[in-house]
C-alpha atoms as a PDB file:
ATOM      1  CA  MET A   1      -3.377  -3.400 -29.233  1.00  0.00           C
ATOM      2  CA  THR A   2      -2.070  -0.288 -27.497  1.00  0.00           C
ATOM      3  CA  ILE A   3      -3.809   1.649 -24.831  1.00  0.00           C
ATOM      4  CA  SER A   4      -2.439   5.032 -23.808  1.00  0.00           C
ATOM      5  CA  GLY A   5       0.789   4.165 -25.580  1.00  0.00           C
ATOM      6  CA  ARG A   6       1.084   0.804 -23.802  1.00  0.00           C
ATOM      7  CA  SER A   7       0.657  -2.606 -25.294  1.00  0.00           C
ATOM      8  CA  ARG A   8      -1.919  -4.416 -23.189  1.00  0.00           C
ATOM      9  CA  ASP A   9      -0.089  -7.747 -23.459  1.00  0.00           C
ATOM     10  CA  ALA A  10       3.496  -6.495 -23.129  1.00  0.00           C
ATOM     11  CA  CYS A  11       3.348  -4.349 -19.995  1.00  0.00           C
ATOM     12  CA  PRO A  12       2.939  -5.291 -16.380  1.00  0.00           C
ATOM     13  CA  PRO A  13       0.027  -3.784 -14.467  1.00  0.00           C
ATOM     14  CA  MET A  14       0.572  -0.168 -13.428  1.00  0.00           C
ATOM     15  CA  ILE A  15      -0.767   1.438 -10.286  1.00  0.00           C
ATOM     16  CA  LYS A  16      -1.948   5.046 -10.463  1.00  0.00           C
ATOM     17  CA  ASN A  17      -2.236   5.594  -6.727  1.00  0.00           C
ATOM     18  CA  LEU A  18      -2.493   3.990  -3.317  1.00  0.00           C
ATOM     19  CA  LEU A  19      -4.777   5.748  -0.863  1.00  0.00           C
ATOM     20  CA  LEU A  20      -5.335   5.294   2.844  1.00  0.00           C
ATOM     21  CA  LEU A  21      -8.188   7.518   4.003  1.00  0.00           C
ATOM     22  CA  ASP A  22      -9.975   7.857   7.326  1.00  0.00           C
ATOM     23  CA  SER A  23     -13.678   7.254   7.914  1.00  0.00           C
ATOM     24  CA  GLU A  24     -14.493  10.797   6.787  1.00  0.00           C
ATOM     25  CA  GLY A  25     -12.467  10.636   3.570  1.00  0.00           C
ATOM     26  CA  ARG A  26      -9.461  12.601   4.818  1.00  0.00           C
ATOM     27  CA  ARG A  27      -5.915  11.611   3.937  1.00  0.00           C
ATOM     28  CA  VAL A  28      -3.947   9.393   6.218  1.00  0.00           C
ATOM     29  CA  ALA A  29      -1.301   8.288   3.681  1.00  0.00           C
ATOM     30  CA  VAL A  30      -1.396   8.591  -0.104  1.00  0.00           C
ATOM     31  CA  LYS A  31       1.033   8.023  -2.967  1.00  0.00           C
ATOM     32  CA  TYR A  32       0.415   8.988  -6.591  1.00  0.00           C
ATOM     33  CA  TYR A  33       2.429   7.437  -9.415  1.00  0.00           C
ATOM     34  CA  THR A  34       1.038   9.339 -12.422  1.00  0.00           C
ATOM     35  CA  ASP A  35       0.573  12.983 -13.282  1.00  0.00           C
ATOM     36  CA  GLU A  36      -3.094  12.388 -14.111  1.00  0.00           C
ATOM     37  CA  TRP A  37      -3.890  14.532 -11.063  1.00  0.00           C
ATOM     38  CA  PRO A  38      -1.303  17.314 -11.490  1.00  0.00           C
ATOM     39  CA  THR A  39      -2.164  19.473  -8.498  1.00  0.00           C
ATOM     40  CA  ASN A  40      -2.796  18.790  -4.854  1.00  0.00           C
ATOM     41  CA  GLY A  41      -6.315  20.167  -5.335  1.00  0.00           C
ATOM     42  CA  ALA A  42      -6.993  17.662  -8.131  1.00  0.00           C
ATOM     43  CA  LYS A  43      -5.705  14.823  -5.940  1.00  0.00           C
ATOM     44  CA  LEU A  44      -7.888  15.910  -3.019  1.00  0.00           C
ATOM     45  CA  ALA A  45     -10.917  16.183  -5.310  1.00  0.00           C
ATOM     46  CA  PHE A  46     -10.296  12.651  -6.636  1.00  0.00           C
ATOM     47  CA  GLU A  47      -9.953  11.316  -3.079  1.00  0.00           C
ATOM     48  CA  ARG A  48     -13.194  13.005  -1.995  1.00  0.00           C
ATOM     49  CA  SER A  49     -15.032  11.715  -5.057  1.00  0.00           C
ATOM     50  CA  VAL A  50     -13.857   8.117  -4.714  1.00  0.00           C
ATOM     51  CA  PHE A  51     -14.624   8.178  -0.988  1.00  0.00           C
ATOM     52  CA  THR A  52     -18.122   9.572  -1.588  1.00  0.00           C
ATOM     53  CA  LYS A  53     -18.815   6.882  -4.192  1.00  0.00           C
ATOM     54  CA  THR A  54     -17.630   4.018  -1.984  1.00  0.00           C
ATOM     55  CA  HIS A  55     -18.119   4.855   1.685  1.00  0.00           C
ATOM     56  CA  LYS A  56     -21.660   3.445   1.958  1.00  0.00           C
ATOM     57  CA  THR A  57     -20.693   0.028   0.592  1.00  0.00           C
ATOM     58  CA  ASN A  58     -19.950  -2.993   2.721  1.00  0.00           C
ATOM     59  CA  ALA A  59     -16.297  -3.562   1.776  1.00  0.00           C
ATOM     60  CA  ARG A  60     -15.277  -4.847   5.191  1.00  0.00           C
ATOM     61  CA  THR A  61     -15.175  -8.572   4.533  1.00  0.00           C
ATOM     62  CA  GLU A  62     -13.873  -8.600   0.956  1.00  0.00           C
ATOM     63  CA  ALA A  63     -12.427  -6.112  -1.485  1.00  0.00           C
ATOM     64  CA  GLU A  64     -14.864  -4.349  -3.783  1.00  0.00           C
ATOM     65  CA  ILE A  65     -14.215  -3.100  -7.309  1.00  0.00           C
ATOM     66  CA  VAL A  66     -15.700  -0.019  -8.940  1.00  0.00           C
ATOM     67  CA  MET A  67     -15.149   1.792 -12.244  1.00  0.00           C
ATOM     68  CA  PHE A  68     -14.636   5.457 -11.494  1.00  0.00           C
ATOM     69  CA  GLU A  69     -13.590   8.241 -13.893  1.00  0.00           C
ATOM     70  CA  ASN A  70     -12.055   5.754 -16.377  1.00  0.00           C
ATOM     71  CA  ASN A  71     -10.188   3.995 -13.576  1.00  0.00           C
ATOM     72  CA  VAL A  72     -10.543   0.691 -11.819  1.00  0.00           C
ATOM     73  CA  VAL A  73     -10.614   1.280  -8.072  1.00  0.00           C
ATOM     74  CA  VAL A  74     -10.288  -1.657  -5.696  1.00  0.00           C
ATOM     75  CA  TYR A  75     -11.018  -0.882  -2.074  1.00  0.00           C
ATOM     76  CA  LYS A  76     -11.459  -2.357   1.360  1.00  0.00           C
ATOM     77  CA  PHE A  77     -12.331  -0.961   4.786  1.00  0.00           C
ATOM     78  CA  ILE A  78     -10.738  -2.033   8.063  1.00  0.00           C
ATOM     79  CA  GLN A  79     -12.234  -0.377  11.134  1.00  0.00           C
ATOM     80  CA  ASP A  80     -12.012   3.383  10.481  1.00  0.00           C
ATOM     81  CA  LEU A  81      -9.473   3.159   7.626  1.00  0.00           C
ATOM     82  CA  HIS A  82     -10.306   2.933   3.938  1.00  0.00           C
ATOM     83  CA  PHE A  83      -7.712   1.337   1.627  1.00  0.00           C
ATOM     84  CA  PHE A  84      -7.812   2.096  -2.121  1.00  0.00           C
ATOM     85  CA  VAL A  85      -5.746   1.006  -5.134  1.00  0.00           C
ATOM     86  CA  THR A  86      -6.350   2.695  -8.490  1.00  0.00           C
ATOM     87  CA  GLY A  87      -5.363   1.482 -11.949  1.00  0.00           C
ATOM     88  CA  GLY A  88      -6.373   2.399 -15.471  1.00  0.00           C
ATOM     89  CA  ASP A  89      -9.594   1.038 -16.944  1.00  0.00           C
ATOM     90  CA  TYR A  90      -7.534  -1.554 -18.844  1.00  0.00           C
ATOM     91  CA  GLU A  91      -5.764  -2.976 -15.772  1.00  0.00           C
ATOM     92  CA  ASN A  92      -6.335  -6.445 -14.427  1.00  0.00           C
ATOM     93  CA  GLU A  93      -8.645  -6.241 -11.415  1.00  0.00           C
ATOM     94  CA  LEU A  94      -7.037  -9.319  -9.856  1.00  0.00           C
ATOM     95  CA  ALA A  95      -3.595  -7.695  -9.907  1.00  0.00           C
ATOM     96  CA  LEU A  96      -5.020  -4.551  -8.305  1.00  0.00           C
ATOM     97  CA  ALA A  97      -6.834  -6.678  -5.716  1.00  0.00           C
ATOM     98  CA  ALA A  98      -3.555  -8.480  -4.919  1.00  0.00           C
ATOM     99  CA  VAL A  99      -1.871  -5.119  -4.299  1.00  0.00           C
ATOM    100  CA  LEU A 100      -4.749  -4.050  -2.064  1.00  0.00           C
ATOM    101  CA  GLN A 101      -4.629  -7.306  -0.096  1.00  0.00           C
ATOM    102  CA  GLY A 102      -0.864  -7.035   0.346  1.00  0.00           C
ATOM    103  CA  PHE A 103      -1.203  -3.408   1.461  1.00  0.00           C
ATOM    104  CA  SER A 104      -3.934  -4.107   4.006  1.00  0.00           C
ATOM    105  CA  ASP A 105      -2.247  -7.318   5.275  1.00  0.00           C
ATOM    106  CA  ALA A 106       1.107  -5.567   5.739  1.00  0.00           C
ATOM    107  CA  VAL A 107      -0.474  -2.638   7.577  1.00  0.00           C
ATOM    108  CA  THR A 108      -2.387  -5.061   9.803  1.00  0.00           C
ATOM    109  CA  LEU A 109       0.828  -6.930  10.641  1.00  0.00           C
ATOM    110  CA  LEU A 110       2.897  -3.788  11.174  1.00  0.00           C
ATOM    111  CA  LEU A 111       0.267  -2.213  13.418  1.00  0.00           C
ATOM    112  CA  ARG A 112      -0.066  -5.530  15.299  1.00  0.00           C
ATOM    113  CA  GLY A 113      -3.759  -5.818  14.504  1.00  0.00           C
ATOM    114  CA  ASN A 114      -4.597  -2.315  15.812  1.00  0.00           C
ATOM    115  CA  VAL A 115      -5.687  -1.003  12.420  1.00  0.00           C
ATOM    116  CA  ASP A 116      -7.263   2.329  13.237  1.00  0.00           C
ATOM    117  CA  GLN A 117      -6.663   5.958  12.391  1.00  0.00           C
ATOM    118  CA  ARG A 118      -4.836   6.856  15.610  1.00  0.00           C
ATOM    119  CA  GLU A 119      -2.445   3.925  15.334  1.00  0.00           C
ATOM    120  CA  ALA A 120      -1.882   4.607  11.626  1.00  0.00           C
ATOM    121  CA  LEU A 121      -1.032   8.258  12.268  1.00  0.00           C
ATOM    122  CA  GLU A 122       1.359   7.296  15.068  1.00  0.00           C
ATOM    123  CA  ASN A 123       3.108   4.906  12.655  1.00  0.00           C
ATOM    124  CA  LEU A 124       2.909   6.991   9.494  1.00  0.00           C
ATOM    125  CA  ASP A 125       6.590   6.466   8.678  1.00  0.00           C
ATOM    126  CA  THR A 126       6.024   2.713   8.722  1.00  0.00           C
ATOM    127  CA  ILE A 127       2.997   3.013   6.438  1.00  0.00           C
ATOM    128  CA  PHE A 128       4.948   5.107   3.920  1.00  0.00           C
ATOM    129  CA  LEU A 129       7.761   2.533   3.967  1.00  0.00           C
ATOM    130  CA  CYS A 130       5.077  -0.068   3.324  1.00  0.00           C
ATOM    131  CA  LEU A 131       3.816   1.879   0.292  1.00  0.00           C
ATOM    132  CA  ASP A 132       7.394   2.135  -1.016  1.00  0.00           C
ATOM    133  CA  GLU A 133       7.864  -1.635  -0.717  1.00  0.00           C
ATOM    134  CA  ILE A 134       4.656  -2.349  -2.647  1.00  0.00           C
ATOM    135  CA  VAL A 135       4.906   0.002  -5.636  1.00  0.00           C
ATOM    136  CA  ASP A 136       7.721   1.976  -7.242  1.00  0.00           C
ATOM    137  CA  ALA A 137       6.948   4.473  -9.995  1.00  0.00           C
ATOM    138  CA  GLY A 138       3.636   2.689 -10.586  1.00  0.00           C
ATOM    139  CA  MET A 139       5.174  -0.778 -10.987  1.00  0.00           C
ATOM    140  CA  ILE A 140       4.145  -3.490  -8.562  1.00  0.00           C
ATOM    141  CA  LEU A 141       7.115  -4.764  -6.554  1.00  0.00           C
ATOM    142  CA  GLU A 142       5.476  -6.998  -3.970  1.00  0.00           C
ATOM    143  CA  THR A 143       1.976  -8.160  -3.057  1.00  0.00           C
ATOM    144  CA  ASP A 144       2.645 -10.580  -0.197  1.00  0.00           C
ATOM    145  CA  GLY A 145       1.740  -8.846   3.075  1.00  0.00           C
ATOM    146  CA  ASN A 146       4.205 -10.916   5.104  1.00  0.00           C
ATOM    147  CA  MET A 147       7.083 -10.062   2.761  1.00  0.00           C
ATOM    148  CA  ILE A 148       6.165  -6.372   2.740  1.00  0.00           C
ATOM    149  CA  ALA A 149       5.923  -6.239   6.537  1.00  0.00           C
ATOM    150  CA  GLY A 150       9.231  -8.108   6.855  1.00  0.00           C
ATOM    151  CA  LYS A 151      11.024  -5.656   4.573  1.00  0.00           C
ATOM    152  CA  VAL A 152       9.556  -2.689   6.423  1.00  0.00           C
ATOM    153  CA  ALA A 153      10.493  -4.223   9.775  1.00  0.00           C
ATOM    154  CA  THR A 154      14.124  -4.517   8.641  1.00  0.00           C
ATOM    155  CA  HIS A 155      14.090  -0.796   7.800  1.00  0.00           C
ATOM    156  CA  ASN A 156      12.825  -0.025  11.291  1.00  0.00           C
ATOM    157  CA  LEU A 157      15.342  -2.171  13.148  1.00  0.00           C
ATOM    158  CA  ASP A 158      17.199  -0.567  15.955  1.00  0.00           C
ATOM    159  CA  ASP A 159      20.690  -2.045  15.573  1.00  0.00           C
ATOM    160  CA  GLY A 160      21.432  -1.197  19.197  1.00  0.00           C
ATOM    161  CA  ALA A 161      18.548  -3.236  20.598  1.00  0.00           C
ATOM    162  CA  PRO A 162      19.571  -6.535  22.171  1.00  0.00           C
ATOM    163  CA  LEU A 163      18.422  -9.643  20.334  1.00  0.00           C
ATOM    164  CA  SER A 164      16.215 -10.595  23.282  1.00  0.00           C
ATOM    165  CA  GLU A 165      14.060  -7.493  22.654  1.00  0.00           C
ATOM    166  CA  GLN A 166      13.654  -8.072  18.920  1.00  0.00           C
ATOM    167  CA  THR A 167      11.010 -10.133  17.172  1.00  0.00           C
ATOM    168  CA  ILE A 168      12.142 -13.305  15.420  1.00  0.00           C
ATOM    169  CA  THR A 169      11.925 -11.570  12.036  1.00  0.00           C
ATOM    170  CA  GLN A 170      13.958  -8.627  13.299  1.00  0.00           C
ATOM    171  CA  ALA A 171      16.533 -10.916  14.909  1.00  0.00           C
ATOM    172  CA  LEU A 172      16.931 -12.927  11.690  1.00  0.00           C
ATOM    173  CA  ALA A 173      17.283  -9.730   9.665  1.00  0.00           C
ATOM    174  CA  THR A 174      19.908  -8.417  12.092  1.00  0.00           C
ATOM    175  CA  ALA A 175      21.811 -11.696  11.956  1.00  0.00           C
ATOM    176  CA  ARG A 176      21.639 -11.724   8.150  1.00  0.00           C
ATOM    177  CA  GLU A 177      22.895  -8.131   8.021  1.00  0.00           C
ATOM    178  CA  HIS A 178      25.805  -8.873  10.380  1.00  0.00           C
ATOM    179  CA  LEU A 179      26.716 -12.011   8.393  1.00  0.00           C
ATOM    180  CA  THR A 180      26.643 -10.061   5.137  1.00  0.00           C
ATOM    181  CA  ARG A 181      28.877  -7.348   6.601  1.00  0.00           C
ATOM    182  CA  SER A 182      31.379  -9.906   7.894  1.00  0.00           C
ATOM    183  CA  LEU A 183      31.505 -11.710   4.531  1.00  0.00           C
ATOM    184  CA  LEU A 184      32.064  -8.482   2.622  1.00  0.00           C
ATOM    185  CA  ARG A 185      35.057  -7.445   4.774  1.00  0.00           C
END
């Protein structure tokens, strides 16, 4: 059976967008992977609509799932941030929920538990790196929050920082990088 030109059984789940909105539905960080919303205005309208439909729910303890405009939207709220993952109406809700959990876990780790709008805006580059580690061109790359945060942390390493000022993960990544460089010489 094909759906939108895709065989349901043959293709991996595809993500249409990842959204991080504030408590009023404004963008903090968003990434779109389809041209279903071709203009910025269409994207903003979708974000407003999905926020309006979901903001009064109690998605703070567990992820919630809603069908919206022929899409499956999985969402979760942490303090004043609203996390959303959108897939087509044929996508596996569990796969979308795994992406959402990985996204929210990685952001929580990277922001050291201070998951709020101010902290997110101050670390926007880190959040966009996080999005890039999770999904590429709509394909899911990683769903484990620890792995995502670790990969992002290696991107953010300051090679000039002494090992004593780095976290264990950063120190291991630095050591691995130096070992790799020495082996390749």
